[in-house]
Amino acid sequence: MYQALKPSRSRMLPMRHLNYHTRHWGPDSSPLPTLVLLHGWMDVGASYQFTVDALAQERRIIAPDWRGFGLTTGAPVDHYVFADYLADLDLLLDHYAPGEAIDLVGHSMGGNVAMMYAGVRPERIRRLVNLEGFGLPATRPAQAPRRYAQWIDEIKQLHAGGLELKHYDSQDGVARRLMKTNPRLSEDKAQWLAGHWARPNAQGRWEILGDPAHKITSAQLYRLDEALELYKRITAPVLSVEASDDSLGQWWKDRYTLDEYHQRLTHVAHCRTAVVQDAAHMLHHDQPARVAQLIETFLDEA
């Protein structure tokens, strides 16, 4: 199994009727800006361990488990609202980095949160690295009636027990699942991730540390016009990092392309892109040393 070079510390913070779990690396204070790492959908903060291990500089690093993921706990809910991630991040920063302009890294859903938050609270972000946080295809108002109906139907399905996440017979079974999804993931890293991504239940079956309610489609359509207004208000320099495998094209085909995403990034005042070769969507697992180098070089620029 993978051996972490920089072991993390777990902390719990009572916040917004939740017990919010955060993972910490490095000293509790540092001359360098605090680095905050935001994980993606159906992932956990520990997912950044390989990248943290590859960072050369010693600095304060914090990675939360989003609500409904990992070790963050709270009262049961039957759906999640994206705006809550912005409020959660704001309160987490108020507690762990009050008055500080932080360095922010987000992967996938976490990258989308990071971009939106940087437009809402531009003064809180010094530099931002977006790892494959592409946003979503543009929508039309005419899609709203069908979307609301879908949302209602999926909530009914959840309460009927129809949206459960798959269980596994062992940690090894979870690791095999991770390796099937990401063929570049080595077995030692998959075994390590499995121990943070899932836990055995009372029956001894390994359950993913993610709430099935996350599978419910958002009732609100993705508003591209709103997203671009937030992009325009980002004042921090932004590095947008993509994997060479073009996961965006694989997901959405011609509904949403990298060219469209790059056009959206022209609304960010200070933004450039980088590509990580021989990597797919989980690029921080596939090429952690390269991702760490890109992050560190960007954060260190004058």
Protein backbone atom coordinates (compact mmCIF):
# COMPACT_ATOMS: atom_id res chain seq x y z
CA MET A 1 0.00 0.00 0.00
CA TYR A 2 1.11 3.56 -0.71
CA GLN A 3 2.98 5.19 2.17
CA ALA A 4 2.14 8.87 2.65
CA LEU A 5 5.29 10.99 2.88
CA LYS A 6 3.43 13.81 4.61
CA PRO A 7 0.79 12.36 6.95
CA SER A 8 -2.29 14.50 7.46
CA ARG A 9 -4.20 15.51 10.59
CA SER A 10 -8.00 15.36 10.86
CA ARG A 11 -10.06 18.10 12.46
CA MET A 12 -13.80 18.54 12.90
CA LEU A 13 -15.55 21.91 12.88
CA PRO A 14 -19.21 22.30 13.96
CA MET A 15 -20.63 24.52 11.22
CA ARG A 16 -24.03 25.09 9.62
CA HIS A 17 -25.62 22.14 11.47
CA LEU A 18 -22.82 19.89 10.21
CA ASN A 19 -19.63 18.42 11.64
CA TYR A 20 -17.27 19.50 8.90
CA HIS A 21 -14.18 17.38 8.45
CA THR A 22 -10.97 18.99 7.24
CA ARG A 23 -7.62 17.36 6.52
CA HIS A 24 -4.48 19.36 7.37
CA TRP A 25 -0.88 19.06 6.24
CA GLY A 26 2.16 21.11 7.22
CA PRO A 27 2.45 23.63 10.05
CA ASP A 28 -0.54 25.48 11.49
CA SER A 29 1.16 28.73 10.50
CA SER A 30 3.51 29.50 7.62
CA PRO A 31 5.02 32.54 5.89
CA LEU A 32 3.46 31.20 2.69
CA PRO A 33 -0.26 31.73 2.01
CA THR A 34 -2.55 28.96 3.19
CA LEU A 35 -3.27 26.49 0.40
CA VAL A 36 -6.83 25.13 0.29
CA LEU A 37 -7.62 22.04 -1.81
CA LEU A 38 -11.21 21.34 -2.92
CA HIS A 39 -12.12 17.82 -4.04
CA GLY A 40 -14.58 16.78 -6.72
CA TRP A 41 -17.89 14.93 -6.81
CA MET A 42 -17.90 11.53 -5.08
CA ASP A 43 -14.39 12.15 -3.79
CA VAL A 44 -12.75 13.19 -0.50
CA GLY A 45 -10.11 15.64 0.67
CA ALA A 46 -7.59 12.81 1.17
CA SER A 47 -7.61 12.41 -2.63
CA TYR A 48 -4.91 15.11 -2.76
CA GLN A 49 -2.39 13.11 -0.69
CA PHE A 50 -0.24 12.12 -3.67
CA THR A 51 -0.03 15.72 -4.88
CA VAL A 52 0.74 17.03 -1.39
CA ASP A 53 3.54 14.48 -1.08
CA ALA A 54 5.03 15.80 -4.33
CA LEU A 55 5.09 19.46 -3.25
CA ALA A 56 8.60 20.71 -2.53
CA GLN A 57 7.77 23.53 -0.13
CA GLU A 58 6.54 23.20 3.42
CA ARG A 59 3.33 25.15 3.82
CA ARG A 60 -0.03 25.07 5.56
CA ILE A 61 -2.51 22.99 3.52
CA ILE A 62 -6.21 22.36 4.25
CA ALA A 63 -8.61 20.08 2.36
CA PRO A 64 -12.25 19.82 3.48
CA ASP A 65 -14.60 16.93 2.85
CA TRP A 66 -17.63 18.60 1.25
CA ARG A 67 -21.03 18.14 2.90
CA GLY A 68 -22.30 14.64 2.25
CA PHE A 69 -18.83 13.30 1.44
CA GLY A 70 -16.01 11.71 3.39
CA LEU A 71 -16.09 12.21 7.15
CA THR A 72 -18.29 15.33 7.15
CA THR A 73 -21.59 14.43 8.82
CA GLY A 74 -24.95 16.03 9.47
CA ALA A 75 -28.69 15.47 9.47
CA PRO A 76 -30.03 13.43 6.52
CA VAL A 77 -31.10 15.39 3.44
CA ASP A 78 -32.70 14.34 0.18
CA HIS A 79 -30.94 16.77 -2.17
CA TYR A 80 -28.00 19.18 -2.30
CA VAL A 81 -27.85 22.79 -3.51
CA PHE A 82 -24.65 23.94 -5.20
CA ALA A 83 -24.66 27.36 -3.54
CA ASP A 84 -24.16 25.66 -0.17
CA TYR A 85 -20.61 24.77 -1.19
CA LEU A 86 -19.84 28.49 -1.56
CA ALA A 87 -21.21 29.29 1.89
CA ASP A 88 -19.42 26.29 3.41
CA LEU A 89 -16.11 27.42 1.93
CA ASP A 90 -16.63 30.98 3.12
CA LEU A 91 -17.24 29.89 6.71
CA LEU A 92 -14.34 27.42 6.62
CA LEU A 93 -12.02 30.23 5.54
CA ASP A 94 -13.41 32.54 8.22
CA HIS A 95 -12.41 29.92 10.78
CA TYR A 96 -9.10 28.60 9.44
CA ALA A 97 -7.73 31.63 7.51
CA PRO A 98 -9.50 34.75 8.77
CA GLY A 99 -8.57 37.91 6.89
CA GLU A 100 -6.12 36.03 4.63
CA ALA A 101 -6.04 35.89 0.85
CA ILE A 102 -5.50 32.18 0.27
CA ASP A 103 -4.23 30.07 -2.60
CA LEU A 104 -7.07 27.87 -3.88
CA VAL A 105 -6.97 24.63 -5.88
CA GLY A 106 -10.10 22.81 -6.98
CA HIS A 107 -10.61 19.60 -8.94
CA SER A 108 -13.70 18.94 -11.09
CA MET A 109 -16.72 19.99 -9.00
CA GLY A 110 -14.27 21.58 -6.59
CA GLY A 111 -12.80 23.55 -9.50
CA ASN A 112 -16.27 24.84 -10.35
CA VAL A 113 -16.78 25.86 -6.72
CA ALA A 114 -13.38 27.59 -6.74
CA MET A 115 -14.16 29.60 -9.88
CA MET A 116 -17.57 30.69 -8.61
CA TYR A 117 -16.27 31.55 -5.14
CA ALA A 118 -13.41 33.60 -6.61
CA GLY A 119 -16.03 35.71 -8.39
CA VAL A 120 -18.18 36.10 -5.28
CA ARG A 121 -15.29 36.83 -2.86
CA PRO A 122 -12.42 37.98 -5.09
CA GLU A 123 -10.56 39.55 -2.17
CA ARG A 124 -10.21 36.16 -0.46
CA ILE A 125 -8.23 34.52 -3.28
CA ARG A 126 -4.57 35.28 -4.06
CA ARG A 127 -4.11 32.65 -6.80
CA LEU A 128 -6.38 29.93 -8.17
CA VAL A 129 -5.64 26.61 -9.88
CA ASN A 130 -8.60 24.94 -11.57
CA LEU A 131 -8.06 21.23 -12.29
CA GLU A 132 -10.65 20.18 -14.88
CA GLY A 133 -13.47 22.29 -13.40
CA PHE A 134 -15.14 22.95 -16.74
CA GLY A 135 -18.63 23.94 -15.67
CA LEU A 136 -21.57 22.49 -17.60
CA PRO A 137 -23.12 22.83 -21.05
CA ALA A 138 -25.21 25.94 -21.64
CA THR A 139 -28.95 25.50 -21.07
CA ARG A 140 -32.17 27.09 -22.35
CA PRO A 141 -35.13 28.28 -20.22
CA ALA A 142 -37.36 25.86 -22.15
CA GLN A 143 -35.55 23.00 -20.39
CA ALA A 144 -36.81 24.11 -16.96
CA PRO A 145 -40.18 22.28 -16.80
CA ARG A 146 -38.60 18.95 -17.65
CA ARG A 147 -35.72 19.56 -15.23
CA TYR A 148 -38.06 20.26 -12.30
CA ALA A 149 -40.04 17.12 -13.12
CA GLN A 150 -36.82 15.09 -13.24
CA TRP A 151 -35.77 16.49 -9.86
CA ILE A 152 -39.09 15.53 -8.26
CA ASP A 153 -39.02 12.06 -9.77
CA GLU A 154 -35.47 11.42 -8.55
CA ILE A 155 -36.34 12.53 -5.01
CA LYS A 156 -39.21 10.03 -5.05
CA GLN A 157 -36.79 7.39 -6.31
CA LEU A 158 -34.33 8.18 -3.50
CA HIS A 159 -36.98 7.82 -0.80
CA ALA A 160 -38.07 4.54 -2.35
CA GLY A 161 -34.52 3.24 -1.96
CA GLY A 162 -33.73 3.33 -5.65
CA LEU A 163 -30.59 5.50 -5.62
CA GLU A 164 -28.32 3.57 -3.28
CA LEU A 165 -24.59 3.53 -3.92
CA LYS A 166 -22.92 0.22 -4.64
CA HIS A 167 -21.41 -1.75 -1.74
CA TYR A 168 -18.21 -3.80 -1.94
CA ASP A 169 -17.12 -6.95 -0.17
CA SER A 170 -13.73 -5.61 0.90
CA GLN A 171 -11.25 -2.75 0.69
CA ASP A 172 -9.66 -4.63 -2.17
CA GLY A 173 -13.02 -4.61 -3.97
CA VAL A 174 -13.16 -0.83 -3.63
CA ALA A 175 -9.59 -0.54 -4.92
CA ARG A 176 -10.47 -2.68 -7.96
CA ARG A 177 -13.42 -0.40 -8.64
CA LEU A 178 -11.14 2.65 -8.55
CA MET A 179 -8.65 1.02 -10.88
CA LYS A 180 -11.40 0.03 -13.31
CA THR A 181 -12.58 3.64 -13.47
CA ASN A 182 -9.03 4.94 -13.80
CA PRO A 183 -6.71 2.41 -15.51
CA ARG A 184 -3.65 4.60 -14.82
CA LEU A 185 -4.11 4.31 -11.05
CA SER A 186 -1.51 1.97 -9.57
CA GLU A 187 -2.62 -0.75 -7.17
CA ASP A 188 -0.75 0.67 -4.17
CA LYS A 189 -2.44 4.06 -4.58
CA ALA A 190 -5.82 2.46 -5.24
CA GLN A 191 -5.57 0.47 -2.02
CA TRP A 192 -4.63 3.60 -0.09
CA LEU A 193 -7.46 5.64 -1.60
CA ALA A 194 -9.97 2.86 -0.94
CA GLY A 195 -9.33 3.19 2.78
CA HIS A 196 -10.29 6.87 2.66
CA TRP A 197 -12.98 6.65 0.00
CA ALA A 198 -15.04 3.93 1.72
CA ARG A 199 -15.65 2.31 5.12
CA PRO A 200 -17.11 -1.04 6.25
CA ASN A 201 -20.70 -0.89 7.50
CA ALA A 202 -22.25 -2.92 10.33
CA GLN A 203 -22.63 -5.89 7.99
CA GLY A 204 -18.97 -5.72 6.95
CA ARG A 205 -19.75 -4.41 3.45
CA TRP A 206 -17.63 -1.49 2.29
CA GLU A 207 -19.69 1.63 1.57
CA ILE A 208 -18.54 4.69 -0.39
CA LEU A 209 -18.35 7.76 1.85
CA GLY A 210 -20.82 9.68 -0.26
CA ASP A 211 -24.51 10.43 0.26
CA PRO A 212 -26.76 8.87 -2.44
CA ALA A 213 -28.67 12.16 -2.48
CA HIS A 214 -25.75 13.61 -4.43
CA LYS A 215 -26.96 11.58 -7.40
CA ILE A 216 -30.10 13.72 -7.68
CA THR A 217 -29.95 16.21 -10.54
CA SER A 218 -30.02 19.87 -9.57
CA ALA A 219 -33.48 21.42 -9.85
CA GLN A 220 -31.89 24.58 -11.25
CA LEU A 221 -30.48 24.75 -14.74
CA TYR A 222 -26.84 25.71 -15.19
CA ARG A 223 -26.89 29.40 -16.15
CA LEU A 224 -23.96 30.23 -18.40
CA ASP A 225 -24.71 33.96 -18.24
CA GLU A 226 -24.41 33.85 -14.44
CA ALA A 227 -21.20 31.82 -14.60
CA LEU A 228 -19.58 34.31 -16.98
CA GLU A 229 -20.53 37.23 -14.72
CA LEU A 230 -18.74 35.46 -11.88
CA TYR A 231 -15.73 34.78 -14.12
CA LYS A 232 -15.53 38.50 -14.95
CA ARG A 233 -15.25 39.36 -11.27
CA ILE A 234 -12.28 37.09 -10.57
CA THR A 235 -9.27 39.26 -9.81
CA ALA A 236 -6.80 36.50 -8.87
CA PRO A 237 -4.50 35.01 -11.53
CA VAL A 238 -5.97 31.67 -12.67
CA LEU A 239 -4.25 28.58 -14.02
CA SER A 240 -6.67 26.20 -15.74
CA VAL A 241 -5.18 22.70 -15.95
CA GLU A 242 -6.52 20.04 -18.31
CA ALA A 243 -5.70 16.37 -18.82
CA SER A 244 -4.49 15.20 -22.22
CA ASP A 245 -7.34 12.68 -22.53
CA ASP A 246 -10.03 15.41 -23.04
CA SER A 247 -12.54 14.14 -20.49
CA LEU A 248 -14.84 17.04 -21.40
CA GLY A 249 -15.23 15.75 -24.94
CA GLN A 250 -15.76 12.20 -23.67
CA TRP A 251 -18.57 13.31 -21.35
CA TRP A 252 -20.47 15.76 -23.49
CA LYS A 253 -19.42 15.02 -27.11
CA ASP A 254 -20.51 18.00 -29.22
CA ARG A 255 -22.84 19.41 -26.53
CA TYR A 256 -19.89 21.12 -24.85
CA THR A 257 -16.29 21.20 -26.10
CA LEU A 258 -12.87 22.33 -24.94
CA ASP A 259 -13.03 25.17 -27.46
CA GLU A 260 -16.21 26.42 -25.78
CA TYR A 261 -14.58 26.14 -22.36
CA HIS A 262 -11.54 28.09 -23.55
CA GLN A 263 -13.87 30.78 -24.87
CA ARG A 264 -15.47 31.04 -21.44
CA LEU A 265 -12.04 31.51 -19.87
CA THR A 266 -11.52 34.68 -21.95
CA HIS A 267 -13.91 36.32 -19.47
CA VAL A 268 -11.33 35.80 -16.68
CA ALA A 269 -9.01 38.80 -16.51
CA HIS A 270 -5.78 36.88 -15.80
CA CYS A 271 -5.97 33.28 -16.97
CA ARG A 272 -3.80 30.78 -18.78
CA THR A 273 -4.05 27.05 -19.43
CA ALA A 274 -1.76 24.04 -19.09
CA VAL A 275 -2.11 20.41 -20.17
CA VAL A 276 -0.91 17.39 -18.19
CA GLN A 277 0.17 14.66 -20.57
CA ASP A 278 -0.65 10.97 -20.10
CA ALA A 279 -3.52 11.79 -17.75
CA ALA A 280 -7.30 11.57 -17.58
CA HIS A 281 -9.82 13.42 -15.41
CA MET A 282 -8.19 12.28 -12.14
CA LEU A 283 -4.97 13.92 -13.24
CA HIS A 284 -3.82 14.50 -9.64
CA HIS A 285 -3.80 10.70 -9.26
CA ASP A 286 -2.34 9.97 -12.69
CA GLN A 287 0.50 12.51 -12.62
CA PRO A 288 0.75 13.93 -9.07
CA ALA A 289 4.35 15.12 -9.47
CA ARG A 290 3.53 17.08 -12.62
CA VAL A 291 0.38 18.55 -11.08
CA ALA A 292 2.32 19.52 -7.95
CA GLN A 293 5.01 21.18 -10.08
CA LEU A 294 2.42 23.19 -12.03
CA ILE A 295 0.70 24.29 -8.83
CA GLU A 296 3.89 25.23 -7.03
CA THR A 297 5.43 27.10 -9.98
CA PHE A 298 2.24 29.08 -10.49
CA LEU A 299 1.83 29.94 -6.81
CA ASP A 300 5.46 31.05 -6.53
CA GLU A 301 5.33 33.54 -9.41
CA ALA A 302 5.81 37.18 -8.48
